[in-house]
PDB file of N, CA and C in Angstrom:
ATOM      1  N   UNK A   1      29.229   0.174  -6.478  1.00  0.00           N
ATOM      2  CA  UNK A   1      30.783   0.529  -6.780  1.00  0.00           C
ATOM      3  C   UNK A   1      31.819  -0.767  -6.548  1.00  0.00           C
ATOM      4  N   UNK A   2      31.600  -1.517  -5.347  1.00  0.00           N
ATOM      5  CA  UNK A   2      32.687  -2.786  -5.415  1.00  0.00           C
ATOM      6  C   UNK A   2      32.943  -3.499  -6.316  1.00  0.00           C
ATOM      7  N   UNK A   3      31.729  -3.698  -7.158  1.00  0.00           N
ATOM      8  CA  UNK A   3      32.238  -4.275  -8.318  1.00  0.00           C
ATOM      9  C   UNK A   3      32.713  -3.688  -9.173  1.00  0.00           C
ATOM     10  N   UNK A   4      32.411  -2.181  -9.471  1.00  0.00           N
ATOM     11  CA  UNK A   4      33.555  -1.759 -10.451  1.00  0.00           C
ATOM     12  C   UNK A   4      34.866  -2.018 -10.578  1.00  0.00           C
ATOM     13  N   UNK A   5      35.204  -2.338 -11.784  1.00  0.00           N
ATOM     14  CA  UNK A   5      36.536  -1.904 -12.336  1.00  0.00           C
ATOM     15  C   UNK A   5      37.107  -3.071 -13.127  1.00  0.00           C
ATOM     16  N   UNK A   6      38.346  -4.069 -13.445  1.00  0.00           N
ATOM     17  CA  UNK A   6      38.694  -4.830 -14.282  1.00  0.00           C
ATOM     18  C   UNK A   6      39.063  -6.642 -13.507  1.00  0.00           C
ATOM     19  N   UNK A   7      38.510  -7.498 -14.171  1.00  0.00           N
ATOM     20  CA  UNK A   7      38.039  -8.713 -13.612  1.00  0.00           C
ATOM     21  C   UNK A   7      38.545  -9.619 -14.814  1.00  0.00           C
ATOM     22  N   UNK A   8      39.249 -10.608 -14.178  1.00  0.00           N
ATOM     23  CA  UNK A   8      39.687 -11.614 -15.838  1.00  0.00           C
ATOM     24  C   UNK A   8      39.512 -13.106 -14.913  1.00  0.00           C
ATOM     25  N   UNK A   9      39.151 -13.603 -15.997  1.00  0.00           N
ATOM     26  CA  UNK A   9      39.163 -15.486 -15.518  1.00  0.00           C
ATOM     27  C   UNK A   9      40.116 -16.157 -15.485  1.00  0.00           C
ATOM     28  N   UNK A  10      41.297 -15.662 -15.784  1.00  0.00           N
ATOM     29  CA  UNK A  10      42.596 -16.392 -15.870  1.00  0.00           C
ATOM     30  C   UNK A  10      43.599 -14.661 -15.821  1.00  0.00           C
ATOM     31  N   UNK A  11      44.931 -15.095 -15.477  1.00  0.00           N
ATOM     32  CA  UNK A  11      45.630 -14.020 -14.920  1.00  0.00           C
ATOM     33  C   UNK A  11      46.128 -13.015 -16.208  1.00  0.00           C
ATOM     34  N   UNK A  12      45.961 -14.093 -17.175  1.00  0.00           N
ATOM     35  CA  UNK A  12      46.752 -13.348 -19.069  1.00  0.00           C
ATOM     36  C   UNK A  12      45.739 -12.024 -18.895  1.00  0.00           C
ATOM     37  N   UNK A  13      44.458 -12.370 -18.679  1.00  0.00           N
ATOM     38  CA  UNK A  13      43.391 -11.314 -19.185  1.00  0.00           C
ATOM     39  C   UNK A  13      43.162 -10.342 -18.632  1.00  0.00           C
ATOM     40  N   UNK A  14      44.369 -10.009 -17.650  1.00  0.00           N
ATOM     41  CA  UNK A  14      44.618  -8.291 -16.751  1.00  0.00           C
ATOM     42  C   UNK A  14      45.433  -7.941 -17.669  1.00  0.00           C
ATOM     43  N   UNK A  15      46.498  -8.283 -18.605  1.00  0.00           N
ATOM     44  CA  UNK A  15      47.291  -7.789 -19.123  1.00  0.00           C
ATOM     45  C   UNK A  15      46.913  -6.929 -20.106  1.00  0.00           C
ATOM     46  N   UNK A  16      47.167  -5.921 -19.451  1.00  0.00           N
ATOM     47  CA  UNK A  16      47.125  -4.477 -20.846  1.00  0.00           C
ATOM     48  C   UNK A  16      47.520  -4.627 -22.068  1.00  0.00           C
ATOM     49  N   UNK A  17      48.847  -4.997 -22.202  1.00  0.00           N
ATOM     50  CA  UNK A  17      48.711  -4.899 -23.159  1.00  0.00           C
ATOM     51  C   UNK A  17      48.126  -6.226 -24.693  1.00  0.00           C
ATOM     52  N   UNK A  18      47.568  -7.057 -23.973  1.00  0.00           N
ATOM     53  CA  UNK A  18      46.816  -8.046 -24.865  1.00  0.00           C
ATOM     54  C   UNK A  18      45.686  -8.140 -25.632  1.00  0.00           C
ATOM     55  N   UNK A  19      45.666  -8.518 -26.840  1.00  0.00           N
ATOM     56  CA  UNK A  19      44.520  -8.016 -27.814  1.00  0.00           C
ATOM     57  C   UNK A  19      43.439  -9.299 -27.410  1.00  0.00           C
ATOM     58  N   UNK A  20      44.283 -10.371 -27.158  1.00  0.00           N
ATOM     59  CA  UNK A  20      43.081 -11.477 -27.019  1.00  0.00           C
ATOM     60  C   UNK A  20      42.613 -12.139 -25.753  1.00  0.00           C
ATOM     61  N   UNK A  21      42.267 -10.816 -24.513  1.00  0.00           N
ATOM     62  CA  UNK A  21      41.815 -11.020 -23.226  1.00  0.00           C
ATOM     63  C   UNK A  21      40.211 -11.594 -23.489  1.00  0.00           C
ATOM     64  N   UNK A  22      39.944 -12.732 -23.761  1.00  0.00           N
ATOM     65  CA  UNK A  22      38.763 -13.035 -24.118  1.00  0.00           C
ATOM     66  C   UNK A  22      38.447 -13.125 -22.219  1.00  0.00           C
ATOM     67  N   UNK A  23      38.594 -13.689 -21.889  1.00  0.00           N
ATOM     68  CA  UNK A  23      37.888 -13.657 -19.923  1.00  0.00           C
ATOM     69  C   UNK A  23      38.407 -12.179 -19.357  1.00  0.00           C
ATOM     70  N   UNK A  24      38.371 -11.109 -20.170  1.00  0.00           N
ATOM     71  CA  UNK A  24      38.435  -9.680 -19.430  1.00  0.00           C
ATOM     72  C   UNK A  24      36.569  -9.562 -19.541  1.00  0.00           C
ATOM     73  N   UNK A  25      36.641  -9.103 -18.394  1.00  0.00           N
ATOM     74  CA  UNK A  25      35.161  -8.315 -17.788  1.00  0.00           C
ATOM     75  C   UNK A  25      35.346  -6.997 -17.431  1.00  0.00           C
ATOM     76  N   UNK A  26      35.032  -5.787 -17.664  1.00  0.00           N
ATOM     77  CA  UNK A  26      34.973  -4.393 -17.497  1.00  0.00           C
ATOM     78  C   UNK A  26      33.140  -4.296 -16.499  1.00  0.00           C
ATOM     79  N   UNK A  27      33.465  -3.809 -15.286  1.00  0.00           N
ATOM     80  CA  UNK A  27      32.358  -3.340 -14.905  1.00  0.00           C
ATOM     81  C   UNK A  27      32.532  -1.820 -14.667  1.00  0.00           C
ATOM     82  N   UNK A  28      31.281  -0.827 -15.037  1.00  0.00           N
ATOM     83  CA  UNK A  28      31.444   0.321 -14.679  1.00  0.00           C
ATOM     84  C   UNK A  28      29.759   0.952 -14.577  1.00  0.00           C
ATOM     85  N   UNK A  29      29.504   2.189 -14.082  1.00  0.00           N
ATOM     86  CA  UNK A  29      28.062   2.305 -13.469  1.00  0.00           C
ATOM     87  C   UNK A  29      27.371   2.310 -14.522  1.00  0.00           C
ATOM     88  N   UNK A  30      27.650   1.950 -15.942  1.00  0.00           N
ATOM     89  CA  UNK A  30      26.299   1.929 -16.705  1.00  0.00           C
ATOM     90  C   UNK A  30      26.443   0.808 -17.832  1.00  0.00           C
ATOM     91  N   UNK A  31      27.642  -0.072 -17.939  1.00  0.00           N
ATOM     92  CA  UNK A  31      27.994  -1.306 -18.422  1.00  0.00           C
ATOM     93  C   UNK A  31      28.880  -1.952 -17.690  1.00  0.00           C
ATOM     94  N   UNK A  32      28.701  -2.942 -18.831  1.00  0.00           N
ATOM     95  CA  UNK A  32      29.480  -4.280 -18.404  1.00  0.00           C
ATOM     96  C   UNK A  32      30.288  -4.489 -20.426  1.00  0.00           C
ATOM     97  N   UNK A  33      31.371  -4.618 -19.919  1.00  0.00           N
ATOM     98  CA  UNK A  33      31.936  -4.356 -21.242  1.00  0.00           C
ATOM     99  C   UNK A  33      32.956  -5.525 -21.169  1.00  0.00           C
ATOM    100  N   UNK A  34      32.648  -6.933 -22.305  1.00  0.00           N
ATOM    101  CA  UNK A  34      33.450  -8.474 -22.481  1.00  0.00           C
ATOM    102  C   UNK A  34      34.352  -8.080 -23.915  1.00  0.00           C
ATOM    103  N   UNK A  35      35.150  -9.186 -23.922  1.00  0.00           N
ATOM    104  CA  UNK A  35      35.649  -9.378 -25.277  1.00  0.00           C
ATOM    105  C   UNK A  35      35.263  -8.392 -26.222  1.00  0.00           C
ATOM    106  N   UNK A  36      34.138  -8.692 -27.012  1.00  0.00           N
ATOM    107  CA  UNK A  36      33.574  -8.422 -27.967  1.00  0.00           C
ATOM    108  C   UNK A  36      32.354  -7.970 -27.872  1.00  0.00           C
ATOM    109  N   UNK A  37      31.784  -7.592 -26.572  1.00  0.00           N
ATOM    110  CA  UNK A  37      30.362  -7.415 -26.784  1.00  0.00           C
ATOM    111  C   UNK A  37      30.301  -6.508 -24.978  1.00  0.00           C
ATOM    112  N   UNK A  38      29.088  -5.455 -25.321  1.00  0.00           N
ATOM    113  CA  UNK A  38      28.878  -4.460 -24.568  1.00  0.00           C
ATOM    114  C   UNK A  38      27.445  -4.742 -24.068  1.00  0.00           C
ATOM    115  N   UNK A  39      27.442  -4.656 -22.427  1.00  0.00           N
ATOM    116  CA  UNK A  39      25.735  -5.187 -22.232  1.00  0.00           C
ATOM    117  C   UNK A  39      25.688  -4.090 -20.718  1.00  0.00           C
ATOM    118  N   UNK A  40      24.541  -3.764 -21.612  1.00  0.00           N
ATOM    119  CA  UNK A  40      23.802  -2.112 -20.404  1.00  0.00           C
ATOM    120  C   UNK A  40      22.651  -2.640 -19.398  1.00  0.00           C
ATOM    121  N   UNK A  41      22.611  -2.106 -18.851  1.00  0.00           N
ATOM    122  CA  UNK A  41      21.234  -2.450 -17.828  1.00  0.00           C
ATOM    123  C   UNK A  41      19.925  -2.322 -18.349  1.00  0.00           C
ATOM    124  N   UNK A  42      19.080  -3.061 -18.188  1.00  0.00           N
ATOM    125  CA  UNK A  42      17.414  -2.681 -18.427  1.00  0.00           C
ATOM    126  C   UNK A  42      17.063  -2.406 -17.073  1.00  0.00           C
ATOM    127  N   UNK A  43      15.485  -1.721 -17.298  1.00  0.00           N
ATOM    128  CA  UNK A  43      14.961  -1.118 -15.885  1.00  0.00           C
ATOM    129  C   UNK A  43      14.703  -2.037 -15.207  1.00  0.00           C
ATOM    130  N   UNK A  44      14.451  -3.387 -15.166  1.00  0.00           N
ATOM    131  CA  UNK A  44      14.847  -4.009 -14.134  1.00  0.00           C
ATOM    132  C   UNK A  44      15.537  -4.616 -13.114  1.00  0.00           C
ATOM    133  N   UNK A  45      16.643  -4.131 -13.868  1.00  0.00           N
ATOM    134  CA  UNK A  45      18.050  -4.693 -12.631  1.00  0.00           C
ATOM    135  C   UNK A  45      17.841  -3.981 -11.239  1.00  0.00           C
ATOM    136  N   UNK A  46      18.146  -4.659 -10.365  1.00  0.00           N
ATOM    137  CA  UNK A  46      18.414  -4.594  -9.106  1.00  0.00           C
ATOM    138  C   UNK A  46      20.028  -4.541  -8.466  1.00  0.00           C
ATOM    139  N   UNK A  47      20.144  -3.338  -7.808  1.00  0.00           N
ATOM    140  CA  UNK A  47      21.487  -3.346  -7.346  1.00  0.00           C
ATOM    141  C   UNK A  47      21.687  -3.232  -5.728  1.00  0.00           C
ATOM    142  N   UNK A  48      22.793  -4.052  -5.249  1.00  0.00           N
ATOM    143  CA  UNK A  48      23.199  -3.855  -3.589  1.00  0.00           C
ATOM    144  C   UNK A  48      24.341  -3.360  -3.515  1.00  0.00           C
ATOM    145  N   UNK A  49      24.878  -3.434  -2.150  1.00  0.00           N
ATOM    146  CA  UNK A  49      26.414  -2.620  -1.918  1.00  0.00           C
ATOM    147  C   UNK A  49      27.344  -3.785  -3.064  1.00  0.00           C
ATOM    148  N   UNK A  50      27.303  -5.362  -3.170  1.00  0.00           N
ATOM    149  CA  UNK A  50      27.722  -6.338  -3.476  1.00  0.00           C
ATOM    150  C   UNK A  50      27.213  -6.749  -4.487  1.00  0.00           C
ATOM    151  N   UNK A  51      26.511  -6.388  -4.901  1.00  0.00           N
ATOM    152  CA  UNK A  51      25.502  -7.525  -6.024  1.00  0.00           C
ATOM    153  C   UNK A  51      24.580  -6.429  -7.394  1.00  0.00           C
ATOM    154  N   UNK A  52      24.541  -7.054  -8.474  1.00  0.00           N
ATOM    155  CA  UNK A  52      23.985  -6.600  -9.802  1.00  0.00           C
ATOM    156  C   UNK A  52      23.399  -7.899 -10.530  1.00  0.00           C
ATOM    157  N   UNK A  53      22.205  -7.216 -10.900  1.00  0.00           N
ATOM    158  CA  UNK A  53      21.020  -8.859 -10.763  1.00  0.00           C
ATOM    159  C   UNK A  53      20.095  -8.042 -12.042  1.00  0.00           C
ATOM    160  N   UNK A  54      19.452  -8.767 -13.481  1.00  0.00           N
ATOM    161  CA  UNK A  54      18.453  -8.563 -13.748  1.00  0.00           C
ATOM    162  C   UNK A  54      18.820  -8.711 -15.443  1.00  0.00           C
ATOM    163  N   UNK A  55      17.922  -7.921 -16.350  1.00  0.00           N
ATOM    164  CA  UNK A  55      18.591  -8.325 -17.587  1.00  0.00           C
ATOM    165  C   UNK A  55      19.168  -7.024 -17.939  1.00  0.00           C
ATOM    166  N   UNK A  56      19.977  -7.612 -19.150  1.00  0.00           N
ATOM    167  CA  UNK A  56      20.703  -6.678 -19.865  1.00  0.00           C
ATOM    168  C   UNK A  56      20.747  -6.562 -21.100  1.00  0.00           C
ATOM    169  N   UNK A  57      20.889  -5.645 -21.876  1.00  0.00           N
ATOM    170  CA  UNK A  57      20.992  -4.876 -23.688  1.00  0.00           C
ATOM    171  C   UNK A  57      21.878  -5.475 -24.308  1.00  0.00           C
ATOM    172  N   UNK A  58      22.397  -6.637 -24.613  1.00  0.00           N
ATOM    173  CA  UNK A  58      24.007  -6.988 -24.926  1.00  0.00           C
ATOM    174  C   UNK A  58      23.976  -6.242 -26.896  1.00  0.00           C
ATOM    175  N   UNK A  59      25.195  -6.060 -27.182  1.00  0.00           N
ATOM    176  CA  UNK A  59      25.083  -5.595 -28.178  1.00  0.00           C
ATOM    177  C   UNK A  59      26.698  -6.099 -28.821  1.00  0.00           C
ATOM    178  N   UNK A  60      26.795  -6.752 -29.991  1.00  0.00           N
ATOM    179  CA  UNK A  60      28.439  -7.160 -30.385  1.00  0.00           C
ATOM    180  C   UNK A  60      28.377  -7.790 -31.475  1.00  0.00           C
ATOM    181  N   UNK A  61      29.615  -7.547 -32.205  1.00  0.00           N
ATOM    182  CA  UNK A  61      29.714  -8.131 -33.047  1.00  0.00           C
ATOM    183  C   UNK A  61      28.321  -8.311 -34.412  1.00  0.00           C
ATOM    184  N   UNK A  62      27.569  -7.257 -34.368  1.00  0.00           N
ATOM    185  CA  UNK A  62      26.686  -6.602 -35.307  1.00  0.00           C
ATOM    186  C   UNK A  62      25.166  -7.613 -34.972  1.00  0.00           C
ATOM    187  N   UNK A  63      25.167  -7.738 -33.811  1.00  0.00           N
ATOM    188  CA  UNK A  63      23.852  -8.585 -33.348  1.00  0.00           C
ATOM    189  C   UNK A  63      23.337  -8.080 -31.925  1.00  0.00           C
ATOM    190  N   UNK A  64      22.209  -7.715 -31.878  1.00  0.00           N
ATOM    191  CA  UNK A  64      21.690  -7.415 -30.349  1.00  0.00           C
ATOM    192  C   UNK A  64      21.170  -8.635 -29.796  1.00  0.00           C
ATOM    193  N   UNK A  65      20.933  -8.646 -28.208  1.00  0.00           N
ATOM    194  CA  UNK A  65      20.457  -9.627 -27.304  1.00  0.00           C
ATOM    195  C   UNK A  65      20.163  -9.353 -26.144  1.00  0.00           C
ATOM    196  N   UNK A  66      19.139  -9.795 -25.576  1.00  0.00           N
ATOM    197  CA  UNK A  66      19.095  -9.122 -24.045  1.00  0.00           C
ATOM    198  C   UNK A  66      19.070 -10.872 -23.415  1.00  0.00           C
ATOM    199  N   UNK A  67      20.139 -10.466 -22.080  1.00  0.00           N
ATOM    200  CA  UNK A  67      20.205 -11.821 -21.150  1.00  0.00           C
ATOM    201  C   UNK A  67      20.132 -11.357 -19.750  1.00  0.00           C
ATOM    202  N   UNK A  68      19.885 -12.226 -18.774  1.00  0.00           N
ATOM    203  CA  UNK A  68      19.797 -12.303 -17.584  1.00  0.00           C
ATOM    204  C   UNK A  68      21.141 -12.220 -17.323  1.00  0.00           C
ATOM    205  N   UNK A  69      21.639 -11.359 -16.098  1.00  0.00           N
ATOM    206  CA  UNK A  69      23.069 -11.989 -15.543  1.00  0.00           C
ATOM    207  C   UNK A  69      22.900 -11.530 -13.889  1.00  0.00           C
ATOM    208  N   UNK A  70      23.602 -11.903 -13.388  1.00  0.00           N
ATOM    209  CA  UNK A  70      23.787 -11.878 -11.871  1.00  0.00           C
ATOM    210  C   UNK A  70      25.497 -11.592 -12.057  1.00  0.00           C
ATOM    211  N   UNK A  71      25.499 -10.620 -11.055  1.00  0.00           N
ATOM    212  CA  UNK A  71      26.858 -10.533 -10.885  1.00  0.00           C
ATOM    213  C   UNK A  71      27.038 -10.302  -9.087  1.00  0.00           C
ATOM    214  N   UNK A  72      27.802 -10.703  -8.630  1.00  0.00           N
ATOM    215  CA  UNK A  72      27.937 -10.754  -6.897  1.00  0.00           C
ATOM    216  C   UNK A  72      29.478 -10.853  -6.577  1.00  0.00           C
ATOM    217  N   UNK A  73      29.760 -10.252  -5.826  1.00  0.00           N
ATOM    218  CA  UNK A  73      30.804 -11.002  -4.937  1.00  0.00           C
ATOM    219  C   UNK A  73      31.130 -11.736  -3.525  1.00  0.00           C
ATOM    220  N   UNK A  74      31.635 -12.806  -3.761  1.00  0.00           N
ATOM    221  CA  UNK A  74      31.717 -14.241  -3.400  1.00  0.00           C
ATOM    222  C   UNK A  74      33.482 -14.291  -2.984  1.00  0.00           C
ATOM    223  N   UNK A  75      34.002 -13.928  -1.554  1.00  0.00           N
ATOM    224  CA  UNK A  75      35.027 -14.101  -1.132  1.00  0.00           C
ATOM    225  C   UNK A  75      36.043 -13.273  -1.804  1.00  0.00           C
ATOM    226  N   UNK A  76      35.763 -12.579  -2.350  1.00  0.00           N
ATOM    227  CA  UNK A  76      36.982 -11.743  -2.940  1.00  0.00           C
ATOM    228  C   UNK A  76      36.616 -11.824  -4.345  1.00  0.00           C
ATOM    229  N   UNK A  77      36.010 -12.627  -5.278  1.00  0.00           N
ATOM    230  CA  UNK A  77      35.337 -12.929  -6.200  1.00  0.00           C
ATOM    231  C   UNK A  77      34.406 -12.600  -7.026  1.00  0.00           C
ATOM    232  N   UNK A  78      34.439 -12.088  -8.191  1.00  0.00           N
ATOM    233  CA  UNK A  78      33.333 -11.615  -8.884  1.00  0.00           C
ATOM    234  C   UNK A  78      32.956 -13.085  -9.425  1.00  0.00           C
ATOM    235  N   UNK A  79      31.155 -13.513  -9.367  1.00  0.00           N
ATOM    236  CA  UNK A  79      30.875 -14.545  -9.836  1.00  0.00           C
ATOM    237  C   UNK A  79      29.461 -13.974 -10.582  1.00  0.00           C
ATOM    238  N   UNK A  80      29.980 -14.287 -11.983  1.00  0.00           N
ATOM    239  CA  UNK A  80      28.764 -14.077 -12.858  1.00  0.00           C
ATOM    240  C   UNK A  80      28.034 -14.846 -13.412  1.00  0.00           C
ATOM    241  N   UNK A  81      26.498 -15.345 -13.155  1.00  0.00           N
ATOM    242  CA  UNK A  81      25.842 -16.314 -14.001  1.00  0.00           C
ATOM    243  C   UNK A  81      24.970 -15.737 -14.948  1.00  0.00           C
ATOM    244  N   UNK A  82      24.682 -16.405 -15.487  1.00  0.00           N
ATOM    245  CA  UNK A  82      23.491 -15.794 -16.669  1.00  0.00           C
ATOM    246  C   UNK A  82      22.725 -17.047 -17.287  1.00  0.00           C
ATOM    247  N   UNK A  83      21.537 -16.693 -17.757  1.00  0.00           N
ATOM    248  CA  UNK A  83      20.583 -17.575 -18.227  1.00  0.00           C
ATOM    249  C   UNK A  83      20.883 -17.604 -20.406  1.00  0.00           C
ATOM    250  N   UNK A  84      20.080 -18.705 -20.326  1.00  0.00           N
ATOM    251  CA  UNK A  84      20.069 -18.830 -22.214  1.00  0.00           C
ATOM    252  C   UNK A  84      21.252 -18.663 -22.786  1.00  0.00           C
ATOM    253  N   UNK A  85      22.616 -19.741 -22.498  1.00  0.00           N
ATOM    254  CA  UNK A  85      22.305 -21.204 -21.924  1.00  0.00           C
ATOM    255  C   UNK A  85      22.956 -20.546 -20.207  1.00  0.00           C
ATOM    256  N   UNK A  86      22.153 -21.204 -19.491  1.00  0.00           N
ATOM    257  CA  UNK A  86      22.579 -21.070 -17.950  1.00  0.00           C
ATOM    258  C   UNK A  86      24.006 -21.411 -17.893  1.00  0.00           C
ATOM    259  N   UNK A  87      25.087 -20.305 -16.831  1.00  0.00           N
ATOM    260  CA  UNK A  87      26.458 -21.012 -17.009  1.00  0.00           C
ATOM    261  C   UNK A  87      26.727 -19.802 -15.695  1.00  0.00           C
ATOM    262  N   UNK A  88      27.751 -20.370 -15.170  1.00  0.00           N
ATOM    263  CA  UNK A  88      28.451 -19.787 -14.095  1.00  0.00           C
ATOM    264  C   UNK A  88      29.898 -19.148 -14.232  1.00  0.00           C
ATOM    265  N   UNK A  89      30.690 -18.097 -14.198  1.00  0.00           N
ATOM    266  CA  UNK A  89      31.705 -17.950 -14.053  1.00  0.00           C
ATOM    267  C   UNK A  89      32.646 -17.257 -13.273  1.00  0.00           C
ATOM    268  N   UNK A  90      33.837 -17.241 -12.793  1.00  0.00           N
ATOM    269  CA  UNK A  90      33.774 -16.766 -11.711  1.00  0.00           C
ATOM    270  C   UNK A  90      35.517 -15.807 -12.118  1.00  0.00           C
ATOM    271  N   UNK A  91      35.769 -14.925 -11.754  1.00  0.00           N
ATOM    272  CA  UNK A  91      36.595 -14.049 -12.096  1.00  0.00           C
ATOM    273  C   UNK A  91      37.271 -13.227 -11.038  1.00  0.00           C
ATOM    274  N   UNK A  92      38.801 -12.762 -11.042  1.00  0.00           N
ATOM    275  CA  UNK A  92      39.637 -12.198 -10.009  1.00  0.00           C
ATOM    276  C   UNK A  92      39.958 -10.815 -10.595  1.00  0.00           C
ATOM    277  N   UNK A  93      39.826  -9.947  -9.309  1.00  0.00           N
ATOM    278  CA  UNK A  93      39.802  -8.497  -9.775  1.00  0.00           C
ATOM    279  C   UNK A  93      41.304  -8.677 -10.584  1.00  0.00           C
ATOM    280  N   UNK A  94      41.294  -7.562 -11.361  1.00  0.00           N
ATOM    281  CA  UNK A  94      42.913  -7.176 -11.833  1.00  0.00           C
ATOM    282  C   UNK A  94      43.820  -6.500 -11.152  1.00  0.00           C
ATOM    283  N   UNK A  95      44.687  -6.627 -11.057  1.00  0.00           N
ATOM    284  CA  UNK A  95      45.432  -5.859  -9.939  1.00  0.00           C
ATOM    285  C   UNK A  95      46.239  -4.379 -10.415  1.00  0.00           C
TER     286      UNK A  95
END
């Protein structure tokens, strides 16, 4: 539950009036919601009080794919790491 909420890559992502918040990530109990896609955890996802990692089934823009995601709280920020392509992103909690 510590991960649940709205997270932005830049302050403008947290403005609820914006339709172009491309860096907004909304974490809920059953999904990760991005700008143009939604990811739902698959059966191999592992969780702890401050992290979640495993494969997620994505849908968006008429496509479907699976990608490994790791979300972890680090010093009050949310760090998301993905595979294929390997990348890491840092988010701040929206106020």
